Amino acid sequence: MTDTLASPELAATVARLREQVCALHAELVRYELVVWTAGNVSARVPGHDLMVIKPSGISYDDLTPENMVLCDLRGTPVEGDLTPSSDTAAHAHVYRAMPEVGGVVHTHSTYASAWAARAEPIPCVLTAMSDEFGGDIPIGPFSLIGDESIGRGVVETLTGSRSPAVIMQNHGVFTVGADARSAVKAAVMCEDVARTVHLARQLGDTVPIPQDQIDSLWDRYQNVYGQR
């Protein structure tokens, strides 16, 4: 055990997050949001400047809790020999800039990435979009992979937005959540509505939902829907 995990409580938390993050990568495969080794899930370690993220270039079939990489919030690994995801700097920037975020997901899911190729936001024309995203799913700026540029674009686009998803121009989807599971849910929902709205536009013009109705639907879903 490294000095970083000298606390038994911290070690237990990191072990739990390794299990969770590993399992959530299987959800990306199950919902067909990723191919080959693309995409990643990360989770913030609560109360510490640490996160757990997928290793770079490792097949989804070969992911285990033990090979999830523990990094600081500058993206530097703090234990182990594996290199973290190439998107680690972007995830780390989001965590530093958005303390309310506990999980980040990145995918190149097919339909949402088609909107990215057009640099076009997905218009809020479905009640499911009002519920989950509170409006349009916005487009973020084009940024090169490997440093904090993508993370800055994610933060700038989502600041002041109710959407937990942003479609980065010419790239793909980034989602955030209170925890990693919530961020995965947002990624699943983003691809679902990206596909439906695309299909709708093949039939003709889509019909926007009035803003007051979007607000009402979003409030109900966030504050009333489900078990309390």
C-alpha atoms as a PDB file:
ATOM      1  CA  MET A   1       0.000   0.000   0.000  1.00  0.00           C
ATOM      2  CA  THR A   2       1.315   3.436  -0.900  1.00  0.00           C
ATOM      3  CA  ASP A   3       1.401   6.362   1.479  1.00  0.00           C
ATOM      4  CA  THR A   4      -1.533   7.781  -0.503  1.00  0.00           C
ATOM      5  CA  LEU A   5      -3.753   4.958   0.762  1.00  0.00           C
ATOM      6  CA  ALA A   6      -2.304   4.746   4.256  1.00  0.00           C
ATOM      7  CA  SER A   7      -5.720   5.478   5.749  1.00  0.00           C
ATOM      8  CA  PRO A   8      -7.866   2.307   5.939  1.00  0.00           C
ATOM      9  CA  GLU A   9     -10.983   4.367   5.267  1.00  0.00           C
ATOM     10  CA  LEU A  10      -9.468   5.912   2.130  1.00  0.00           C
ATOM     11  CA  ALA A  11      -8.186   2.544   0.948  1.00  0.00           C
ATOM     12  CA  ALA A  12     -11.678   1.074   1.336  1.00  0.00           C
ATOM     13  CA  THR A  13     -13.252   3.970  -0.563  1.00  0.00           C
ATOM     14  CA  VAL A  14     -10.775   3.649  -3.425  1.00  0.00           C
ATOM     15  CA  ALA A  15     -11.344  -0.113  -3.592  1.00  0.00           C
ATOM     16  CA  ARG A  16     -15.099   0.454  -3.810  1.00  0.00           C
ATOM     17  CA  LEU A  17     -14.692   3.037  -6.558  1.00  0.00           C
ATOM     18  CA  ARG A  18     -12.381   0.739  -8.519  1.00  0.00           C
ATOM     19  CA  GLU A  19     -15.135  -1.895  -8.468  1.00  0.00           C
ATOM     20  CA  GLN A  20     -17.791   0.627  -9.460  1.00  0.00           C
ATOM     21  CA  VAL A  21     -15.820   2.292 -12.255  1.00  0.00           C
ATOM     22  CA  CYS A  22     -14.823  -1.071 -13.707  1.00  0.00           C
ATOM     23  CA  ALA A  23     -18.435  -2.282 -13.670  1.00  0.00           C
ATOM     24  CA  LEU A  24     -19.705   0.931 -15.256  1.00  0.00           C
ATOM     25  CA  HIS A  25     -17.401   0.464 -18.246  1.00  0.00           C
ATOM     26  CA  ALA A  26     -19.367  -2.707 -18.970  1.00  0.00           C
ATOM     27  CA  GLU A  27     -22.495  -0.530 -19.155  1.00  0.00           C
ATOM     28  CA  LEU A  28     -20.900   1.514 -21.953  1.00  0.00           C
ATOM     29  CA  VAL A  29     -20.450  -1.718 -23.898  1.00  0.00           C
ATOM     30  CA  ARG A  30     -23.941  -2.986 -23.037  1.00  0.00           C
ATOM     31  CA  TYR A  31     -25.569   0.183 -24.362  1.00  0.00           C
ATOM     32  CA  GLU A  32     -23.279   0.224 -27.437  1.00  0.00           C
ATOM     33  CA  LEU A  33     -21.759   3.599 -26.613  1.00  0.00           C
ATOM     34  CA  VAL A  34     -18.145   2.551 -27.322  1.00  0.00           C
ATOM     35  CA  VAL A  35     -16.059   0.454 -29.699  1.00  0.00           C
ATOM     36  CA  TRP A  36     -12.642  -1.159 -29.230  1.00  0.00           C
ATOM     37  CA  THR A  37     -10.870   0.747 -26.417  1.00  0.00           C
ATOM     38  CA  ALA A  38     -12.498   4.163 -26.901  1.00  0.00           C
ATOM     39  CA  GLY A  39     -14.400   5.878 -24.110  1.00  0.00           C
ATOM     40  CA  ASN A  40     -13.874   6.115 -20.376  1.00  0.00           C
ATOM     41  CA  VAL A  41     -15.527   6.508 -16.996  1.00  0.00           C
ATOM     42  CA  SER A  42     -14.012   8.191 -13.956  1.00  0.00           C
ATOM     43  CA  ALA A  43     -15.095   8.821 -10.379  1.00  0.00           C
ATOM     44  CA  ARG A  44     -13.953  11.417  -7.876  1.00  0.00           C
ATOM     45  CA  VAL A  45     -12.719  10.098  -4.523  1.00  0.00           C
ATOM     46  CA  PRO A  46     -14.940  12.064  -2.099  1.00  0.00           C
ATOM     47  CA  GLY A  47     -13.047  14.347   0.243  1.00  0.00           C
ATOM     48  CA  HIS A  48      -9.717  13.890  -1.543  1.00  0.00           C
ATOM     49  CA  ASP A  49      -8.013  15.395  -4.589  1.00  0.00           C
ATOM     50  CA  LEU A  50      -8.067  11.998  -6.277  1.00  0.00           C
ATOM     51  CA  MET A  51      -9.987  10.175  -8.987  1.00  0.00           C
ATOM     52  CA  VAL A  52     -10.225   6.656 -10.398  1.00  0.00           C
ATOM     53  CA  ILE A  53     -10.196   6.241 -14.189  1.00  0.00           C
ATOM     54  CA  LYS A  54      -9.812   3.605 -16.907  1.00  0.00           C
ATOM     55  CA  PRO A  55      -6.281   2.746 -18.111  1.00  0.00           C
ATOM     56  CA  SER A  56      -5.323   3.779 -21.635  1.00  0.00           C
ATOM     57  CA  GLY A  57      -5.679   1.352 -24.518  1.00  0.00           C
ATOM     58  CA  ILE A  58      -6.844  -1.650 -22.494  1.00  0.00           C
ATOM     59  CA  SER A  59      -9.592  -3.815 -23.998  1.00  0.00           C
ATOM     60  CA  TYR A  60     -12.931  -3.646 -22.202  1.00  0.00           C
ATOM     61  CA  ASP A  61     -12.764  -7.435 -21.829  1.00  0.00           C
ATOM     62  CA  ASP A  62      -9.527  -7.047 -19.878  1.00  0.00           C
ATOM     63  CA  LEU A  63     -10.644  -4.349 -17.466  1.00  0.00           C
ATOM     64  CA  THR A  64     -10.549  -5.292 -13.787  1.00  0.00           C
ATOM     65  CA  PRO A  65     -10.968  -3.282 -10.587  1.00  0.00           C
ATOM     66  CA  GLU A  66      -7.247  -3.711  -9.968  1.00  0.00           C
ATOM     67  CA  ASN A  67      -6.201  -2.047 -13.240  1.00  0.00           C
ATOM     68  CA  MET A  68      -8.310   1.060 -12.765  1.00  0.00           C
ATOM     69  CA  VAL A  69      -5.834   3.924 -12.295  1.00  0.00           C
ATOM     70  CA  LEU A  70      -5.811   6.180  -9.227  1.00  0.00           C
ATOM     71  CA  CYS A  71      -4.748   9.722 -10.153  1.00  0.00           C
ATOM     72  CA  ASP A  72      -4.561  13.097  -8.490  1.00  0.00           C
ATOM     73  CA  LEU A  73      -6.660  15.945  -9.851  1.00  0.00           C
ATOM     74  CA  ARG A  74      -3.841  17.032 -12.140  1.00  0.00           C
ATOM     75  CA  GLY A  75      -4.102  13.662 -13.883  1.00  0.00           C
ATOM     76  CA  THR A  76      -0.890  12.251 -12.437  1.00  0.00           C
ATOM     77  CA  PRO A  77      -1.023   8.573 -11.391  1.00  0.00           C
ATOM     78  CA  VAL A  78      -0.302   8.149  -7.701  1.00  0.00           C
ATOM     79  CA  GLU A  79       0.147   4.381  -7.652  1.00  0.00           C
ATOM     80  CA  GLY A  80       0.687   1.492 -10.047  1.00  0.00           C
ATOM     81  CA  ASP A  81       2.431   1.269 -13.403  1.00  0.00           C
ATOM     82  CA  LEU A  82      -0.435   1.655 -15.874  1.00  0.00           C
ATOM     83  CA  THR A  83      -0.922   4.810 -17.926  1.00  0.00           C
ATOM     84  CA  PRO A  84      -4.348   6.397 -17.382  1.00  0.00           C
ATOM     85  CA  SER A  85      -6.771   7.259 -20.185  1.00  0.00           C
ATOM     86  CA  SER A  86      -5.681   9.835 -22.744  1.00  0.00           C
ATOM     87  CA  ASP A  87      -8.649  11.916 -21.555  1.00  0.00           C
ATOM     88  CA  THR A  88      -7.437  12.014 -17.947  1.00  0.00           C
ATOM     89  CA  ALA A  89      -6.392  15.669 -18.071  1.00  0.00           C
ATOM     90  CA  ALA A  90      -9.866  16.613 -19.294  1.00  0.00           C
ATOM     91  CA  HIS A  91     -11.569  14.665 -16.503  1.00  0.00           C
ATOM     92  CA  ALA A  92      -9.217  16.162 -13.922  1.00  0.00           C
ATOM     93  CA  HIS A  93      -9.949  19.701 -15.087  1.00  0.00           C
ATOM     94  CA  VAL A  94     -13.699  19.094 -14.780  1.00  0.00           C
ATOM     95  CA  TYR A  95     -13.283  17.856 -11.210  1.00  0.00           C
ATOM     96  CA  ARG A  96     -11.155  20.848 -10.230  1.00  0.00           C
ATOM     97  CA  ALA A  97     -13.537  23.364 -11.789  1.00  0.00           C
ATOM     98  CA  MET A  98     -16.851  21.715 -10.825  1.00  0.00           C
ATOM     99  CA  PRO A  99     -16.712  20.504  -7.214  1.00  0.00           C
ATOM    100  CA  GLU A 100     -20.307  19.260  -7.412  1.00  0.00           C
ATOM    101  CA  VAL A 101     -19.303  16.679 -10.040  1.00  0.00           C
ATOM    102  CA  GLY A 102     -18.509  13.178  -8.778  1.00  0.00           C
ATOM    103  CA  GLY A 103     -18.353  11.309 -12.079  1.00  0.00           C
ATOM    104  CA  VAL A 104     -17.337  11.990 -15.685  1.00  0.00           C
ATOM    105  CA  VAL A 105     -17.941   9.866 -18.792  1.00  0.00           C
ATOM    106  CA  HIS A 106     -16.669  10.175 -22.357  1.00  0.00           C
ATOM    107  CA  THR A 107     -18.009   8.244 -25.347  1.00  0.00           C
ATOM    108  CA  HIS A 108     -17.952   8.356 -29.136  1.00  0.00           C
ATOM    109  CA  SER A 109     -21.493   6.981 -29.368  1.00  0.00           C
ATOM    110  CA  THR A 110     -22.669   6.859 -32.973  1.00  0.00           C
ATOM    111  CA  TYR A 111     -25.651   9.183 -33.203  1.00  0.00           C
ATOM    112  CA  ALA A 112     -24.397  11.780 -30.736  1.00  0.00           C
ATOM    113  CA  SER A 113     -21.054  11.838 -32.561  1.00  0.00           C
ATOM    114  CA  ALA A 114     -22.934  12.479 -35.815  1.00  0.00           C
ATOM    115  CA  TRP A 115     -24.291  15.657 -34.205  1.00  0.00           C
ATOM    116  CA  ALA A 116     -20.704  16.446 -33.138  1.00  0.00           C
ATOM    117  CA  ALA A 117     -19.592  16.153 -36.760  1.00  0.00           C
ATOM    118  CA  ARG A 118     -22.212  18.772 -37.671  1.00  0.00           C
ATOM    119  CA  ALA A 119     -21.322  20.966 -34.663  1.00  0.00           C
ATOM    120  CA  GLU A 120     -25.040  21.156 -33.974  1.00  0.00           C
ATOM    121  CA  PRO A 121     -26.795  21.047 -30.588  1.00  0.00           C
ATOM    122  CA  ILE A 122     -29.609  18.539 -30.197  1.00  0.00           C
ATOM    123  CA  PRO A 123     -32.832  20.565 -29.924  1.00  0.00           C
ATOM    124  CA  CYS A 124     -35.195  19.863 -27.049  1.00  0.00           C
ATOM    125  CA  VAL A 125     -38.102  18.292 -28.907  1.00  0.00           C
ATOM    126  CA  LEU A 126     -38.786  15.322 -26.595  1.00  0.00           C
ATOM    127  CA  THR A 127     -40.132  15.195 -23.053  1.00  0.00           C
ATOM    128  CA  ALA A 128     -37.265  12.814 -22.177  1.00  0.00           C
ATOM    129  CA  MET A 129     -34.846  15.598 -23.095  1.00  0.00           C
ATOM    130  CA  SER A 130     -36.701  18.063 -20.897  1.00  0.00           C
ATOM    131  CA  ASP A 131     -36.524  15.568 -18.035  1.00  0.00           C
ATOM    132  CA  GLU A 132     -32.850  14.654 -18.194  1.00  0.00           C
ATOM    133  CA  PHE A 133     -31.214  17.657 -19.866  1.00  0.00           C
ATOM    134  CA  GLY A 134     -33.517  20.575 -19.091  1.00  0.00           C
ATOM    135  CA  GLY A 135     -33.264  21.858 -22.657  1.00  0.00           C
ATOM    136  CA  ASP A 136     -31.046  21.441 -25.702  1.00  0.00           C
ATOM    137  CA  ILE A 137     -27.912  19.321 -25.431  1.00  0.00           C
ATOM    138  CA  PRO A 138     -25.226  21.917 -26.171  1.00  0.00           C
ATOM    139  CA  ILE A 139     -22.219  21.809 -28.470  1.00  0.00           C
ATOM    140  CA  GLY A 140     -18.779  22.465 -27.013  1.00  0.00           C
ATOM    141  CA  PRO A 141     -15.748  23.785 -28.886  1.00  0.00           C
ATOM    142  CA  PHE A 142     -13.295  21.730 -30.911  1.00  0.00           C
ATOM    143  CA  SER A 143     -10.226  20.850 -28.844  1.00  0.00           C
ATOM    144  CA  LEU A 144      -7.270  18.539 -29.290  1.00  0.00           C
ATOM    145  CA  ILE A 145      -6.949  15.453 -27.103  1.00  0.00           C
ATOM    146  CA  GLY A 146      -4.224  15.049 -24.491  1.00  0.00           C
ATOM    147  CA  ASP A 147      -4.277  18.160 -22.318  1.00  0.00           C
ATOM    148  CA  GLU A 148      -6.831  20.228 -20.405  1.00  0.00           C
ATOM    149  CA  SER A 149      -8.309  21.887 -23.503  1.00  0.00           C
ATOM    150  CA  ILE A 150     -11.262  19.508 -23.747  1.00  0.00           C
ATOM    151  CA  GLY A 151     -11.924  19.826 -20.022  1.00  0.00           C
ATOM    152  CA  ARG A 152     -11.974  23.604 -20.303  1.00  0.00           C
ATOM    153  CA  GLY A 153     -14.459  23.370 -23.163  1.00  0.00           C
ATOM    154  CA  VAL A 154     -16.675  21.016 -21.188  1.00  0.00           C
ATOM    155  CA  VAL A 155     -16.700  23.316 -18.162  1.00  0.00           C
ATOM    156  CA  GLU A 156     -17.280  26.481 -20.189  1.00  0.00           C
ATOM    157  CA  THR A 157     -20.197  24.896 -22.050  1.00  0.00           C
ATOM    158  CA  LEU A 158     -21.893  23.298 -19.055  1.00  0.00           C
ATOM    159  CA  THR A 159     -21.488  26.251 -16.694  1.00  0.00           C
ATOM    160  CA  GLY A 160     -24.938  27.758 -16.323  1.00  0.00           C
ATOM    161  CA  SER A 161     -26.548  24.891 -18.256  1.00  0.00           C
ATOM    162  CA  ARG A 162     -28.903  22.304 -16.771  1.00  0.00           C
ATOM    163  CA  SER A 163     -27.601  19.695 -19.195  1.00  0.00           C
ATOM    164  CA  PRO A 164     -25.286  17.009 -17.763  1.00  0.00           C
ATOM    165  CA  ALA A 165     -24.109  16.308 -21.333  1.00  0.00           C
ATOM    166  CA  VAL A 166     -22.098  18.262 -23.873  1.00  0.00           C
ATOM    167  CA  ILE A 167     -21.314  17.192 -27.418  1.00  0.00           C
ATOM    168  CA  MET A 168     -17.796  18.306 -28.224  1.00  0.00           C
ATOM    169  CA  GLN A 169     -17.437  19.465 -31.818  1.00  0.00           C
ATOM    170  CA  ASN A 170     -15.922  16.859 -34.163  1.00  0.00           C
ATOM    171  CA  HIS A 171     -15.313  14.566 -31.209  1.00  0.00           C
ATOM    172  CA  GLY A 172     -18.007  13.022 -29.030  1.00  0.00           C
ATOM    173  CA  VAL A 173     -19.895  13.164 -25.767  1.00  0.00           C
ATOM    174  CA  PHE A 174     -18.816  14.172 -22.270  1.00  0.00           C
ATOM    175  CA  THR A 175     -21.263  13.790 -19.413  1.00  0.00           C
ATOM    176  CA  VAL A 176     -21.096  14.649 -15.727  1.00  0.00           C
ATOM    177  CA  GLY A 177     -23.034  13.589 -12.668  1.00  0.00           C
ATOM    178  CA  ALA A 178     -23.127  13.624  -8.903  1.00  0.00           C
ATOM    179  CA  ASP A 179     -21.482  10.218  -9.151  1.00  0.00           C
ATOM    180  CA  ALA A 180     -20.129   8.015 -11.927  1.00  0.00           C
ATOM    181  CA  ARG A 181     -23.364   6.069 -12.342  1.00  0.00           C
ATOM    182  CA  SER A 182     -25.330   9.287 -12.915  1.00  0.00           C
ATOM    183  CA  ALA A 183     -22.816  10.347 -15.560  1.00  0.00           C
ATOM    184  CA  VAL A 184     -23.197   6.979 -17.322  1.00  0.00           C
ATOM    185  CA  LYS A 185     -26.982   7.380 -17.273  1.00  0.00           C
ATOM    186  CA  ALA A 186     -26.629  10.796 -18.919  1.00  0.00           C
ATOM    187  CA  ALA A 187     -24.414   9.273 -21.633  1.00  0.00           C
ATOM    188  CA  VAL A 188     -26.988   6.539 -22.299  1.00  0.00           C
ATOM    189  CA  MET A 189     -29.823   9.068 -22.466  1.00  0.00           C
ATOM    190  CA  CYS A 190     -27.807  11.395 -24.692  1.00  0.00           C
ATOM    191  CA  GLU A 191     -27.310   8.690 -27.310  1.00  0.00           C
ATOM    192  CA  ASP A 192     -30.957   7.660 -27.096  1.00  0.00           C
ATOM    193  CA  VAL A 193     -32.307  11.131 -27.826  1.00  0.00           C
ATOM    194  CA  ALA A 194     -29.585  11.818 -30.416  1.00  0.00           C
ATOM    195  CA  ARG A 195     -30.845   8.798 -32.352  1.00  0.00           C
ATOM    196  CA  THR A 196     -34.547   9.641 -31.977  1.00  0.00           C
ATOM    197  CA  VAL A 197     -34.184  13.284 -32.977  1.00  0.00           C
ATOM    198  CA  HIS A 198     -32.048  12.283 -35.959  1.00  0.00           C
ATOM    199  CA  LEU A 199     -34.764   9.870 -37.105  1.00  0.00           C
ATOM    200  CA  ALA A 200     -37.461  12.484 -36.558  1.00  0.00           C
ATOM    201  CA  ARG A 201     -35.635  14.947 -38.798  1.00  0.00           C
ATOM    202  CA  GLN A 202     -35.639  12.401 -41.618  1.00  0.00           C
ATOM    203  CA  LEU A 203     -39.430  12.672 -41.559  1.00  0.00           C
ATOM    204  CA  GLY A 204     -39.526  16.469 -41.598  1.00  0.00           C
ATOM    205  CA  ASP A 205     -39.313  19.416 -39.229  1.00  0.00           C
ATOM    206  CA  THR A 206     -39.292  18.740 -35.500  1.00  0.00           C
ATOM    207  CA  VAL A 207     -41.573  20.618 -33.089  1.00  0.00           C
ATOM    208  CA  PRO A 208     -39.840  22.399 -30.192  1.00  0.00           C
ATOM    209  CA  ILE A 209     -41.262  22.217 -26.681  1.00  0.00           C
ATOM    210  CA  PRO A 210     -42.081  25.663 -25.208  1.00  0.00           C
ATOM    211  CA  GLN A 211     -39.595  26.770 -22.570  1.00  0.00           C
ATOM    212  CA  ASP A 212     -42.169  26.949 -19.769  1.00  0.00           C
ATOM    213  CA  GLN A 213     -43.146  23.349 -20.443  1.00  0.00           C
ATOM    214  CA  ILE A 214     -39.481  22.288 -20.516  1.00  0.00           C
ATOM    215  CA  ASP A 215     -39.038  23.965 -17.131  1.00  0.00           C
ATOM    216  CA  SER A 216     -42.086  22.182 -15.697  1.00  0.00           C
ATOM    217  CA  LEU A 217     -41.036  18.785 -17.019  1.00  0.00           C
ATOM    218  CA  TRP A 218     -37.474  19.206 -15.763  1.00  0.00           C
ATOM    219  CA  ASP A 219     -38.608  20.253 -12.291  1.00  0.00           C
ATOM    220  CA  ARG A 220     -40.973  17.298 -12.005  1.00  0.00           C
ATOM    221  CA  TYR A 221     -38.373  14.774 -13.127  1.00  0.00           C
ATOM    222  CA  GLN A 222     -35.620  16.172 -10.898  1.00  0.00           C
ATOM    223  CA  ASN A 223     -37.738  16.703  -7.788  1.00  0.00           C
ATOM    224  CA  VAL A 224     -40.811  14.443  -7.918  1.00  0.00           C
ATOM    225  CA  TYR A 225     -40.212  11.444 -10.190  1.00  0.00           C
ATOM    226  CA  GLY A 226     -39.115   8.115  -8.692  1.00  0.00           C
ATOM    227  CA  GLN A 227     -38.716   6.988  -5.122  1.00  0.00           C
ATOM    228  CA  ARG A 228     -37.951   9.628  -2.490  1.00  0.00           C
END
